[in-house]
Amino acid sequence: MNKDKPTILIIIGISGDLSKRKLLPAIGQISATGMIPRQFKIVGVTRRNNLDIDSLLENTSNKEYIKESTSFFEMDLENENDYLKLKKYLEEIEEGFGSRSQYLFYLSVPPKVSNTIIELIGKSLLSKVEGSK
């Protein structure tokens, strides 16, 4: 990860046990060291429409930073149009940064759905870096 470049961490399946027990606590610890880019956002992708961030952060240090840095995006992981909506949402975050961002995808989902998600990320051009061929 380029520490100086604006960064958006997209956690697909943020409501799962892995995010709650391991991933979010690790991000909390890393953020306390100052090793996270100044312009950093977490977008938690979920199928739930009423996700409570406090319940996800029970075991996490630096909770306020994580709360301020996190937003949720509800979508159907098998719907190609939802990936286009996610792309638009990420572009809106980038507008707030004032520049392009690096996207980091973390799939916290069962292996059987990973291939579909990866294919749809590619089809929606979420993985395409501006200026690359």
Protein backbone atom coordinates (compact mmCIF):
# COMPACT_ATOMS: atom_id res chain seq x y z
CA MET A 1 0.00 0.00 0.00
CA ASN A 2 1.30 3.45 -0.90
CA LYS A 3 0.98 5.40 2.38
CA ASP A 4 0.94 8.77 0.62
CA LYS A 5 -1.81 7.93 -1.86
CA PRO A 6 -5.48 8.31 -0.93
CA THR A 7 -6.81 4.83 -0.21
CA ILE A 8 -10.20 3.18 -0.06
CA LEU A 9 -10.37 -0.24 1.58
CA ILE A 10 -13.41 -2.11 0.30
CA ILE A 11 -14.31 -4.94 2.67
CA ILE A 12 -16.76 -7.23 0.92
CA GLY A 13 -18.60 -9.10 3.65
CA ILE A 14 -17.83 -6.67 6.47
CA SER A 15 -20.64 -8.03 8.64
CA GLY A 16 -18.97 -11.42 9.01
CA ASP A 17 -17.12 -12.88 11.96
CA LEU A 18 -13.68 -12.52 10.34
CA SER A 19 -14.08 -8.74 10.04
CA LYS A 20 -15.33 -8.43 13.59
CA ARG A 21 -12.69 -10.64 15.25
CA LYS A 22 -9.60 -10.03 13.12
CA LEU A 23 -9.72 -7.44 10.33
CA LEU A 24 -11.24 -4.40 12.05
CA PRO A 25 -9.19 -4.87 15.23
CA ALA A 26 -6.04 -5.06 13.07
CA ILE A 27 -6.98 -1.85 11.24
CA GLY A 28 -7.60 -0.19 14.62
CA GLN A 29 -4.12 -1.16 15.78
CA ILE A 30 -2.45 -0.08 12.53
CA SER A 31 -4.25 3.27 12.58
CA ALA A 32 -2.89 3.96 16.05
CA THR A 33 0.67 3.69 14.67
CA GLY A 34 0.09 6.35 12.00
CA MET A 35 0.81 3.89 9.19
CA ILE A 36 -2.49 4.51 7.40
CA PRO A 37 -2.72 7.13 4.66
CA ARG A 38 -3.99 10.55 5.72
CA GLN A 39 -6.85 10.20 3.23
CA PHE A 40 -8.30 6.79 4.05
CA LYS A 41 -11.81 5.37 3.98
CA ILE A 42 -13.27 1.94 4.61
CA VAL A 43 -16.32 0.95 2.59
CA GLY A 44 -18.02 -2.05 4.12
CA VAL A 45 -20.02 -3.94 1.55
CA THR A 46 -22.94 -5.83 3.03
CA ARG A 47 -26.28 -7.39 2.16
CA ARG A 48 -27.77 -6.05 5.39
CA ASN A 49 -29.53 -2.69 5.48
CA ASN A 50 -29.36 -2.17 9.25
CA LEU A 51 -25.77 -2.95 10.18
CA ASP A 52 -24.61 -1.57 13.53
CA ILE A 53 -20.96 -0.50 13.50
CA ASP A 54 -20.72 -0.62 17.30
CA SER A 55 -21.38 -4.36 17.28
CA LEU A 56 -18.60 -4.83 14.71
CA LEU A 57 -16.11 -2.88 16.80
CA GLU A 58 -16.50 -4.67 20.14
CA ASN A 59 -12.90 -5.96 20.07
CA THR A 60 -11.35 -2.99 18.31
CA SER A 61 -9.09 -0.27 19.60
CA ASN A 62 -9.22 3.24 18.14
CA LYS A 63 -12.97 2.81 17.61
CA GLU A 64 -13.67 6.48 16.92
CA TYR A 65 -11.18 6.57 14.05
CA ILE A 66 -12.73 3.44 12.52
CA LYS A 67 -16.25 4.87 12.92
CA GLU A 68 -15.27 8.15 11.25
CA SER A 69 -13.51 6.32 8.43
CA THR A 70 -16.20 3.72 7.69
CA SER A 71 -19.32 3.77 5.59
CA PHE A 72 -21.54 0.91 4.50
CA PHE A 73 -22.70 0.05 1.02
CA GLU A 74 -25.60 -2.36 0.68
CA MET A 75 -25.59 -4.51 -2.45
CA ASP A 76 -26.34 -7.89 -3.97
CA LEU A 77 -22.96 -9.51 -4.63
CA GLU A 78 -24.32 -11.37 -7.66
CA ASN A 79 -25.86 -8.32 -9.38
CA GLU A 80 -23.57 -6.70 -11.96
CA ASN A 81 -25.45 -3.39 -11.80
CA ASP A 82 -24.74 -3.12 -8.07
CA TYR A 83 -21.01 -3.11 -8.85
CA LEU A 84 -21.54 -0.15 -11.14
CA LYS A 85 -23.36 1.61 -8.29
CA LEU A 86 -20.44 0.77 -5.99
CA LYS A 87 -18.04 2.23 -8.54
CA LYS A 88 -20.04 5.48 -8.58
CA TYR A 89 -20.05 5.56 -4.77
CA LEU A 90 -16.27 5.12 -4.64
CA GLU A 91 -15.83 7.90 -7.20
CA GLU A 92 -17.87 10.19 -4.92
CA ILE A 93 -15.48 9.42 -2.06
CA GLU A 94 -12.57 10.23 -4.37
CA GLU A 95 -14.13 13.59 -5.18
CA GLY A 96 -13.95 14.36 -1.47
CA PHE A 97 -10.27 13.40 -1.51
CA GLY A 98 -9.67 15.62 -4.52
CA SER A 99 -7.74 12.92 -6.37
CA ARG A 100 -7.78 9.33 -7.60
CA SER A 101 -7.37 6.66 -4.95
CA GLN A 102 -5.93 3.23 -4.72
CA TYR A 103 -8.60 0.62 -4.10
CA LEU A 104 -7.81 -2.32 -1.85
CA PHE A 105 -10.34 -5.15 -1.96
CA TYR A 106 -10.67 -7.58 0.92
CA LEU A 107 -13.06 -10.47 0.39
CA SER A 108 -14.42 -11.69 3.71
CA VAL A 109 -16.81 -14.15 2.08
CA PRO A 110 -17.10 -17.92 1.62
CA PRO A 111 -14.78 -19.27 -1.10
CA LYS A 112 -17.70 -20.48 -3.24
CA VAL A 113 -18.76 -16.86 -3.99
CA SER A 114 -15.28 -15.39 -4.43
CA ASN A 115 -14.98 -16.19 -8.15
CA THR A 116 -18.26 -14.45 -8.97
CA ILE A 117 -17.26 -11.37 -6.99
CA ILE A 118 -13.85 -11.19 -8.64
CA GLU A 119 -15.39 -11.54 -12.11
CA LEU A 120 -17.92 -8.78 -11.43
CA ILE A 121 -15.24 -6.47 -10.01
CA GLY A 122 -13.41 -6.94 -13.30
CA LYS A 123 -16.50 -6.47 -15.51
CA SER A 124 -17.40 -3.24 -13.72
CA LEU A 125 -13.82 -1.96 -14.21
CA LEU A 126 -13.41 -1.40 -10.47
CA SER A 127 -10.02 -3.05 -10.76
CA LYS A 128 -8.86 -0.88 -13.67
CA VAL A 129 -6.35 1.78 -12.78
CA GLU A 130 -6.86 5.09 -14.60
CA GLY A 131 -4.31 5.44 -17.36
CA SER A 132 -3.53 1.71 -17.59
CA LYS A 133 -4.18 -0.35 -20.69
